[in-house]
Amino acid sequence: MSTSLTLMIESLVALTTHIDKFLTAERVELKRMTCGHYRLYIPVPPTFTKADASQCQAVLANLPVACNAFSAGGRINAVTVTDDMEGQPLTVSL
């Protein structure tokens, strides 16, 4: 399994375990980028705040990923988790 895919799964588990608002997300998207790495996209409910976004950073601090909150219209709409190694050669193990 790809190291990037494993990171995204670990990130999703960590976020849903520590931040209850992620459990109410309409959907979760796991997208494979053209470089072979994966990104995790989670649309968040309207009650999601900047404090929740900061908590995401803290929850994922021990993983080599970046957590980005996207806002529009004065509220956060989604959180994206990206692999820090994106753009570098992919590590695959069987």
C-alpha atoms as a PDB file:
ATOM      1  CA  MET A   1       0.000   0.000   0.000  1.00  0.00           C
ATOM      2  CA  SER A   2       1.186   3.523  -0.717  1.00  0.00           C
ATOM      3  CA  THR A   3       2.734   5.448   2.160  1.00  0.00           C
ATOM      4  CA  SER A   4       0.679   8.471   1.098  1.00  0.00           C
ATOM      5  CA  LEU A   5      -2.570   6.489   1.208  1.00  0.00           C
ATOM      6  CA  THR A   6      -1.664   5.142   4.642  1.00  0.00           C
ATOM      7  CA  LEU A   7      -1.038   8.705   5.856  1.00  0.00           C
ATOM      8  CA  MET A   8      -4.421   9.871   4.617  1.00  0.00           C
ATOM      9  CA  ILE A   9      -6.196   6.954   6.316  1.00  0.00           C
ATOM     10  CA  GLU A  10      -4.316   7.649   9.566  1.00  0.00           C
ATOM     11  CA  SER A  11      -5.231  11.331   9.269  1.00  0.00           C
ATOM     12  CA  LEU A  12      -8.907  10.549   8.754  1.00  0.00           C
ATOM     13  CA  VAL A  13      -8.959   8.194  11.748  1.00  0.00           C
ATOM     14  CA  ALA A  14      -7.205  10.776  13.945  1.00  0.00           C
ATOM     15  CA  LEU A  15      -9.533  13.599  12.907  1.00  0.00           C
ATOM     16  CA  THR A  16     -12.732  11.609  13.373  1.00  0.00           C
ATOM     17  CA  THR A  17     -11.508  10.222  16.705  1.00  0.00           C
ATOM     18  CA  HIS A  18     -10.571  13.594  18.221  1.00  0.00           C
ATOM     19  CA  ILE A  19     -12.952  16.074  16.559  1.00  0.00           C
ATOM     20  CA  ASP A  20     -16.612  15.039  16.650  1.00  0.00           C
ATOM     21  CA  LYS A  21     -17.664  17.546  13.979  1.00  0.00           C
ATOM     22  CA  PHE A  22     -15.928  15.424  11.347  1.00  0.00           C
ATOM     23  CA  LEU A  23     -18.361  12.599  12.095  1.00  0.00           C
ATOM     24  CA  THR A  24     -21.182  14.759  10.688  1.00  0.00           C
ATOM     25  CA  ALA A  25     -19.440  15.469   7.371  1.00  0.00           C
ATOM     26  CA  GLU A  26     -21.640  14.774   4.327  1.00  0.00           C
ATOM     27  CA  ARG A  27     -18.827  12.964   2.591  1.00  0.00           C
ATOM     28  CA  VAL A  28     -15.094  12.360   2.618  1.00  0.00           C
ATOM     29  CA  GLU A  29     -13.084  12.425  -0.589  1.00  0.00           C
ATOM     30  CA  LEU A  30      -9.784  10.642  -1.005  1.00  0.00           C
ATOM     31  CA  LYS A  31      -8.219  11.776  -4.251  1.00  0.00           C
ATOM     32  CA  ARG A  32      -5.169  10.323  -5.967  1.00  0.00           C
ATOM     33  CA  MET A  33      -3.146  13.108  -7.526  1.00  0.00           C
ATOM     34  CA  THR A  34      -1.338  12.736 -10.854  1.00  0.00           C
ATOM     35  CA  CYS A  35       1.955  12.436  -8.966  1.00  0.00           C
ATOM     36  CA  GLY A  36       0.595   9.313  -7.220  1.00  0.00           C
ATOM     37  CA  HIS A  37       0.185  10.869  -3.788  1.00  0.00           C
ATOM     38  CA  TYR A  38      -3.207  11.196  -2.111  1.00  0.00           C
ATOM     39  CA  ARG A  39      -5.181  14.118  -0.674  1.00  0.00           C
ATOM     40  CA  LEU A  40      -8.018  13.983   1.797  1.00  0.00           C
ATOM     41  CA  TYR A  41     -10.906  16.442   1.371  1.00  0.00           C
ATOM     42  CA  ILE A  42     -13.588  16.787   4.034  1.00  0.00           C
ATOM     43  CA  PRO A  43     -16.481  19.259   3.679  1.00  0.00           C
ATOM     44  CA  VAL A  44     -17.333  20.456   7.191  1.00  0.00           C
ATOM     45  CA  PRO A  45     -20.657  21.434   8.778  1.00  0.00           C
ATOM     46  CA  PRO A  46     -21.595  25.121   9.202  1.00  0.00           C
ATOM     47  CA  THR A  47     -20.738  24.902  12.916  1.00  0.00           C
ATOM     48  CA  PHE A  48     -17.049  24.307  12.133  1.00  0.00           C
ATOM     49  CA  THR A  49     -14.946  27.199  13.486  1.00  0.00           C
ATOM     50  CA  LYS A  50     -11.402  28.543  13.264  1.00  0.00           C
ATOM     51  CA  ALA A  51     -10.764  26.954  16.661  1.00  0.00           C
ATOM     52  CA  ASP A  52     -11.754  23.574  15.191  1.00  0.00           C
ATOM     53  CA  ALA A  53      -9.355  24.174  12.296  1.00  0.00           C
ATOM     54  CA  SER A  54      -6.558  24.932  14.764  1.00  0.00           C
ATOM     55  CA  GLN A  55      -7.397  21.730  16.590  1.00  0.00           C
ATOM     56  CA  CYS A  56      -6.919  19.831  13.299  1.00  0.00           C
ATOM     57  CA  GLN A  57      -3.340  21.073  13.157  1.00  0.00           C
ATOM     58  CA  ALA A  58      -2.749  19.865  16.711  1.00  0.00           C
ATOM     59  CA  VAL A  59      -4.341  16.448  16.106  1.00  0.00           C
ATOM     60  CA  LEU A  60      -2.213  15.854  12.999  1.00  0.00           C
ATOM     61  CA  ALA A  61       1.006  17.343  14.408  1.00  0.00           C
ATOM     62  CA  ASN A  62       2.691  13.927  14.730  1.00  0.00           C
ATOM     63  CA  LEU A  63       2.042  12.991  11.075  1.00  0.00           C
ATOM     64  CA  PRO A  64       3.995  14.345   8.067  1.00  0.00           C
ATOM     65  CA  VAL A  65       0.909  16.030   6.608  1.00  0.00           C
ATOM     66  CA  ALA A  66      -0.452  19.553   6.235  1.00  0.00           C
ATOM     67  CA  CYS A  67      -4.008  20.454   7.182  1.00  0.00           C
ATOM     68  CA  ASN A  68      -5.571  23.395   5.344  1.00  0.00           C
ATOM     69  CA  ALA A  69      -8.953  24.964   6.073  1.00  0.00           C
ATOM     70  CA  PHE A  70     -10.794  26.589   3.161  1.00  0.00           C
ATOM     71  CA  SER A  71     -13.291  29.349   3.779  1.00  0.00           C
ATOM     72  CA  ALA A  72     -15.821  31.259   1.728  1.00  0.00           C
ATOM     73  CA  GLY A  73     -18.540  33.656   2.729  1.00  0.00           C
ATOM     74  CA  GLY A  74     -17.132  34.096   6.212  1.00  0.00           C
ATOM     75  CA  ARG A  75     -17.162  30.437   7.222  1.00  0.00           C
ATOM     76  CA  ILE A  76     -14.937  27.403   6.820  1.00  0.00           C
ATOM     77  CA  ASN A  77     -16.330  25.075   4.152  1.00  0.00           C
ATOM     78  CA  ALA A  78     -13.783  22.268   4.004  1.00  0.00           C
ATOM     79  CA  VAL A  79     -10.536  20.874   5.339  1.00  0.00           C
ATOM     80  CA  THR A  80      -7.901  19.371   3.077  1.00  0.00           C
ATOM     81  CA  VAL A  81      -5.066  17.152   4.280  1.00  0.00           C
ATOM     82  CA  THR A  82      -2.023  16.835   2.028  1.00  0.00           C
ATOM     83  CA  ASP A  83       1.051  14.633   2.218  1.00  0.00           C
ATOM     84  CA  ASP A  84       4.221  16.634   2.994  1.00  0.00           C
ATOM     85  CA  MET A  85       6.059  14.468   0.446  1.00  0.00           C
ATOM     86  CA  GLU A  86       3.655  15.286  -2.400  1.00  0.00           C
ATOM     87  CA  GLY A  87       5.602  15.967  -5.570  1.00  0.00           C
ATOM     88  CA  GLN A  88       8.411  13.599  -4.615  1.00  0.00           C
ATOM     89  CA  PRO A  89       8.733  10.006  -5.786  1.00  0.00           C
ATOM     90  CA  LEU A  90       6.068   7.771  -4.290  1.00  0.00           C
ATOM     91  CA  THR A  91       7.001   4.936  -1.926  1.00  0.00           C
ATOM     92  CA  VAL A  92       5.002   1.763  -2.531  1.00  0.00           C
ATOM     93  CA  SER A  93       5.223  -1.477  -0.566  1.00  0.00           C
ATOM     94  CA  LEU A  94       3.352  -4.714  -1.121  1.00  0.00           C
END
